[in-house]
C-alpha atoms as a PDB file:
ATOM      1  CA  MET A   1       0.225   0.336  -0.035  1.00  0.00           C
ATOM      2  CA  ASN A   2       2.622   2.238   0.783  1.00  0.00           C
ATOM      3  CA  TYR A   3       4.157   1.556  -2.702  1.00  0.00           C
ATOM      4  CA  PHE A   4       1.055   2.816  -4.262  1.00  0.00           C
ATOM      5  CA  PHE A   5       1.368   6.349  -2.211  1.00  0.00           C
ATOM      6  CA  LEU A   6       4.841   6.595  -3.551  1.00  0.00           C
ATOM      7  CA  LEU A   7       4.029   5.688  -7.195  1.00  0.00           C
ATOM      8  CA  VAL A   8       1.443   8.395  -7.102  1.00  0.00           C
ATOM      9  CA  SER A   9       3.499  10.979  -5.177  1.00  0.00           C
ATOM     10  CA  LEU A  10       6.577  10.397  -7.631  1.00  0.00           C
ATOM     11  CA  PHE A  11       4.268  11.002 -11.175  1.00  0.00           C
ATOM     12  CA  PHE A  12       3.036  14.121  -9.114  1.00  0.00           C
ATOM     13  CA  THR A  13       6.181  14.982  -8.495  1.00  0.00           C
ATOM     14  CA  LEU A  14       7.759  14.297 -12.384  1.00  0.00           C
ATOM     15  CA  GLU A  15       4.238  16.049 -13.651  1.00  0.00           C
ATOM     16  CA  THR A  16       5.069  19.226 -11.817  1.00  0.00           C
ATOM     17  CA  LEU A  17       8.743  19.732 -13.077  1.00  0.00           C
ATOM     18  CA  GLY A  18       7.713  18.472 -15.952  1.00  0.00           C
ATOM     19  CA  GLN A  19       5.468  21.570 -16.394  1.00  0.00           C
ATOM     20  CA  SER A  20       8.794  24.147 -15.260  1.00  0.00           C
ATOM     21  CA  ILE A  21      11.378  22.638 -17.658  1.00  0.00           C
ATOM     22  CA  PRO A  22      11.868  25.051 -20.275  1.00  0.00           C
ATOM     23  CA  THR A  23      11.245  23.723 -24.019  1.00  0.00           C
ATOM     24  CA  SER A  24      12.581  25.469 -27.294  1.00  0.00           C
ATOM     25  CA  LEU A  25      11.509  27.906 -29.548  1.00  0.00           C
ATOM     26  CA  GLN A  26      12.745  28.368 -33.374  1.00  0.00           C
ATOM     27  CA  VAL A  27      12.399  31.615 -34.847  1.00  0.00           C
ATOM     28  CA  SER A  28      12.949  31.837 -38.561  1.00  0.00           C
ATOM     29  CA  ILE A  29      12.643  35.745 -39.572  1.00  0.00           C
ATOM     30  CA  SER A  30      12.538  36.506 -43.469  1.00  0.00           C
ATOM     31  CA  GLY A  31      12.128  39.610 -45.646  1.00  0.00           C
ATOM     32  CA  ALA A  32      14.717  41.830 -44.506  1.00  0.00           C
ATOM     33  CA  SER A  33      15.304  44.745 -47.135  1.00  0.00           C
ATOM     34  CA  SER A  34      19.338  43.937 -46.879  1.00  0.00           C
ATOM     35  CA  ASP A  35      22.160  42.731 -44.410  1.00  0.00           C
ATOM     36  CA  VAL A  36      22.642  46.279 -42.939  1.00  0.00           C
ATOM     37  CA  GLY A  37      21.566  46.953 -39.445  1.00  0.00           C
ATOM     38  CA  SER A  38      20.224  44.440 -37.032  1.00  0.00           C
ATOM     39  CA  ILE A  39      17.454  42.255 -36.883  1.00  0.00           C
ATOM     40  CA  ARG A  40      15.706  42.975 -33.037  1.00  0.00           C
ATOM     41  CA  ILE A  41      13.223  40.853 -31.442  1.00  0.00           C
ATOM     42  CA  LEU A  42      11.344  41.400 -28.598  1.00  0.00           C
ATOM     43  CA  VAL A  43       9.562  38.455 -26.937  1.00  0.00           C
ATOM     44  CA  PHE A  44       6.162  39.110 -24.834  1.00  0.00           C
ATOM     45  CA  SER A  45       4.589  36.826 -22.382  1.00  0.00           C
ATOM     46  CA  LYS A  46       1.296  39.341 -21.889  1.00  0.00           C
ATOM     47  CA  PRO A  47      -0.428  41.799 -23.997  1.00  0.00           C
ATOM     48  CA  SER A  48       0.935  44.727 -21.801  1.00  0.00           C
ATOM     49  CA  GLY A  49       3.924  46.396 -23.821  1.00  0.00           C
ATOM     50  CA  PHE A  50       3.405  44.562 -27.002  1.00  0.00           C
ATOM     51  CA  PRO A  51       5.227  44.679 -29.814  1.00  0.00           C
ATOM     52  CA  ASP A  52       7.556  47.349 -29.182  1.00  0.00           C
ATOM     53  CA  GLN A  53       8.238  48.209 -25.645  1.00  0.00           C
ATOM     54  CA  VAL A  54      11.759  46.666 -24.326  1.00  0.00           C
ATOM     55  CA  LYS A  55      11.261  46.737 -20.665  1.00  0.00           C
ATOM     56  CA  GLN A  56       8.138  45.002 -20.560  1.00  0.00           C
ATOM     57  CA  ALA A  57       9.436  42.260 -23.049  1.00  0.00           C
ATOM     58  CA  VAL A  58      10.859  38.944 -21.437  1.00  0.00           C
ATOM     59  CA  ARG A  59      13.385  38.547 -24.337  1.00  0.00           C
ATOM     60  CA  SER A  60      15.218  41.067 -26.187  1.00  0.00           C
ATOM     61  CA  ILE A  61      17.552  39.775 -28.910  1.00  0.00           C
ATOM     62  CA  SER A  62      19.496  42.122 -31.245  1.00  0.00           C
ATOM     63  CA  ILE A  63      21.106  39.607 -34.668  1.00  0.00           C
ATOM     64  CA  PRO A  64      22.506  40.572 -37.801  1.00  0.00           C
ATOM     65  CA  SER A  65      20.791  39.143 -40.915  1.00  0.00           C
ATOM     66  CA  LYS A  66      22.407  36.905 -43.846  1.00  0.00           C
ATOM     67  CA  ASN A  67      20.890  36.891 -47.180  1.00  0.00           C
ATOM     68  CA  GLY A  68      17.676  39.062 -46.102  1.00  0.00           C
ATOM     69  CA  LYS A  69      17.424  36.098 -43.373  1.00  0.00           C
ATOM     70  CA  ALA A  70      17.880  35.430 -39.246  1.00  0.00           C
ATOM     71  CA  ASN A  71      17.467  32.843 -37.261  1.00  0.00           C
ATOM     72  CA  PHE A  72      17.576  31.932 -33.503  1.00  0.00           C
ATOM     73  CA  LYS A  73      16.391  29.709 -30.845  1.00  0.00           C
ATOM     74  CA  LEU A  74      15.722  30.091 -27.121  1.00  0.00           C
ATOM     75  CA  THR A  75      15.848  27.351 -24.840  1.00  0.00           C
ATOM     76  CA  ASP A  76      15.136  29.084 -21.812  1.00  0.00           C
ATOM     77  CA  LEU A  77      11.268  29.904 -21.885  1.00  0.00           C
ATOM     78  CA  PRO A  78       8.714  28.268 -19.440  1.00  0.00           C
ATOM     79  CA  ALA A  79       5.830  27.292 -21.039  1.00  0.00           C
ATOM     80  CA  GLY A  80       3.349  29.600 -21.438  1.00  0.00           C
ATOM     81  CA  THR A  81       1.826  32.216 -23.985  1.00  0.00           C
ATOM     82  CA  TYR A  82       3.862  34.098 -26.155  1.00  0.00           C
ATOM     83  CA  ALA A  83       3.935  36.853 -29.191  1.00  0.00           C
ATOM     84  CA  ILE A  84       6.734  38.341 -30.833  1.00  0.00           C
ATOM     85  CA  GLY A  85       7.159  41.557 -32.261  1.00  0.00           C
ATOM     86  CA  VAL A  86      10.302  42.088 -34.888  1.00  0.00           C
ATOM     87  CA  ILE A  87      12.130  45.330 -36.825  1.00  0.00           C
ATOM     88  CA  HIS A  88      14.873  45.063 -39.466  1.00  0.00           C
ATOM     89  CA  ASP A  89      16.659  48.077 -37.914  1.00  0.00           C
ATOM     90  CA  GLN A  90      18.956  49.466 -40.370  1.00  0.00           C
ATOM     91  CA  ASP A  91      19.838  52.433 -38.923  1.00  0.00           C
ATOM     92  CA  ASN A  92      20.555  50.747 -35.640  1.00  0.00           C
ATOM     93  CA  ASN A  93      18.605  53.428 -33.777  1.00  0.00           C
ATOM     94  CA  GLY A  94      16.909  50.722 -31.725  1.00  0.00           C
ATOM     95  CA  LYS A  95      13.406  51.796 -32.805  1.00  0.00           C
ATOM     96  CA  LEU A  96      10.984  51.310 -35.922  1.00  0.00           C
ATOM     97  CA  SER A  97      11.844  54.187 -38.101  1.00  0.00           C
ATOM     98  CA  THR A  98       8.676  55.916 -39.465  1.00  0.00           C
ATOM     99  CA  ASN A  99       7.970  58.528 -42.175  1.00  0.00           C
ATOM    100  CA  ALA A 100       6.438  62.465 -41.913  1.00  0.00           C
ATOM    101  CA  VAL A 101       3.067  60.511 -41.741  1.00  0.00           C
ATOM    102  CA  GLY A 102       4.219  57.871 -39.385  1.00  0.00           C
ATOM    103  CA  TYR A 103       3.992  55.222 -41.796  1.00  0.00           C
ATOM    104  CA  PRO A 104       7.000  52.656 -41.028  1.00  0.00           C
ATOM    105  CA  THR A 105      10.287  52.939 -43.503  1.00  0.00           C
ATOM    106  CA  GLU A 106      12.111  50.050 -42.233  1.00  0.00           C
ATOM    107  CA  LYS A 107      10.626  46.436 -41.960  1.00  0.00           C
ATOM    108  CA  PHE A 108       8.444  44.914 -39.699  1.00  0.00           C
ATOM    109  CA  GLY A 109       6.939  41.629 -38.739  1.00  0.00           C
ATOM    110  CA  PHE A 110       5.158  39.542 -35.729  1.00  0.00           C
ATOM    111  CA  SER A 111       4.719  35.858 -35.104  1.00  0.00           C
ATOM    112  CA  ASN A 112       1.727  34.440 -36.784  1.00  0.00           C
ATOM    113  CA  ASN A 113       1.939  37.005 -39.776  1.00  0.00           C
ATOM    114  CA  PRO A 114      -1.376  38.433 -38.985  1.00  0.00           C
ATOM    115  CA  LYS A 115      -2.787  41.204 -41.251  1.00  0.00           C
ATOM    116  CA  VAL A 116      -1.508  44.875 -40.098  1.00  0.00           C
ATOM    117  CA  TYR A 117      -4.123  47.452 -41.005  1.00  0.00           C
ATOM    118  CA  PHE A 118      -3.897  50.934 -39.230  1.00  0.00           C
ATOM    119  CA  GLY A 119      -1.334  50.016 -35.973  1.00  0.00           C
ATOM    120  CA  PRO A 120       0.467  47.051 -34.533  1.00  0.00           C
ATOM    121  CA  PRO A 121      -2.099  43.945 -34.435  1.00  0.00           C
ATOM    122  CA  ALA A 122      -3.079  42.911 -30.832  1.00  0.00           C
ATOM    123  CA  PHE A 123      -1.025  40.493 -28.649  1.00  0.00           C
ATOM    124  CA  GLU A 124      -3.849  37.735 -28.962  1.00  0.00           C
ATOM    125  CA  LYS A 125      -3.587  38.022 -33.098  1.00  0.00           C
ATOM    126  CA  ALA A 126       0.382  37.273 -32.713  1.00  0.00           C
ATOM    127  CA  ALA A 127       0.619  34.729 -29.307  1.00  0.00           C
ATOM    128  CA  PHE A 128       1.340  31.179 -29.835  1.00  0.00           C
ATOM    129  CA  VAL A 129       1.589  28.498 -26.987  1.00  0.00           C
ATOM    130  CA  LEU A 130       4.802  27.376 -26.065  1.00  0.00           C
ATOM    131  CA  GLY A 131       4.304  23.851 -23.971  1.00  0.00           C
ATOM    132  CA  LYS A 132       6.602  20.671 -23.615  1.00  0.00           C
ATOM    133  CA  ASN A 133       6.914  19.901 -27.389  1.00  0.00           C
ATOM    134  CA  PRO A 134       9.457  22.423 -28.944  1.00  0.00           C
ATOM    135  CA  VAL A 135       7.696  25.063 -31.407  1.00  0.00           C
ATOM    136  CA  SER A 136       8.756  26.379 -34.549  1.00  0.00           C
ATOM    137  CA  VAL A 137       8.016  30.430 -35.641  1.00  0.00           C
ATOM    138  CA  GLU A 138       8.251  31.883 -39.112  1.00  0.00           C
ATOM    139  CA  ILE A 139       7.894  35.769 -39.417  1.00  0.00           C
ATOM    140  CA  ASN A 140       7.719  37.428 -42.443  1.00  0.00           C
ATOM    141  CA  LEU A 141       8.664  40.911 -42.807  1.00  0.00           C
ATOM    142  CA  ARG A 142       6.602  43.464 -44.293  1.00  0.00           C
END
C-alpha cells in the first residue's frame, strides 16, 4: 500500500517538474531588405507593452541578417503564451523608423504573420503557445 502512494507521489512530482522545464522555440525571420543594421526581436508573455516596449519584453534579442534572413533559438523560456515583434533596424537606432506621416520606413513583422492595418496587431493575434514540445515560428517581414 505504501508503494502505491509513493508511486502516485512520484508521478505528480515528475508531472509538476515537467511543466516547469523550459522547451525550445526556434524562430526564422525572412524578408529583410538587406544585411545592413540589425534584426531586433522582442518576446512578450503578456499583452502589456506588445510589440515595442523593450522593458516589458521577457527577451530582447539583436542579431544580424544574412541574405535577408535571420534565425535564432531560445531554450530557456518556460511554458506559456508568447508573442513576438520584430523590426529590421537598418539605421541601428533601436526603434522602428517612420516617415513624416508615421508610416514605417523599415520592415517589421510579428509571430503568426497577422494582417496589419492602421497599427500593430493585438497580442492575441500574434500569440502562440509554448508547451512541452518544441515550437517553430516563421516571421515574414513586410
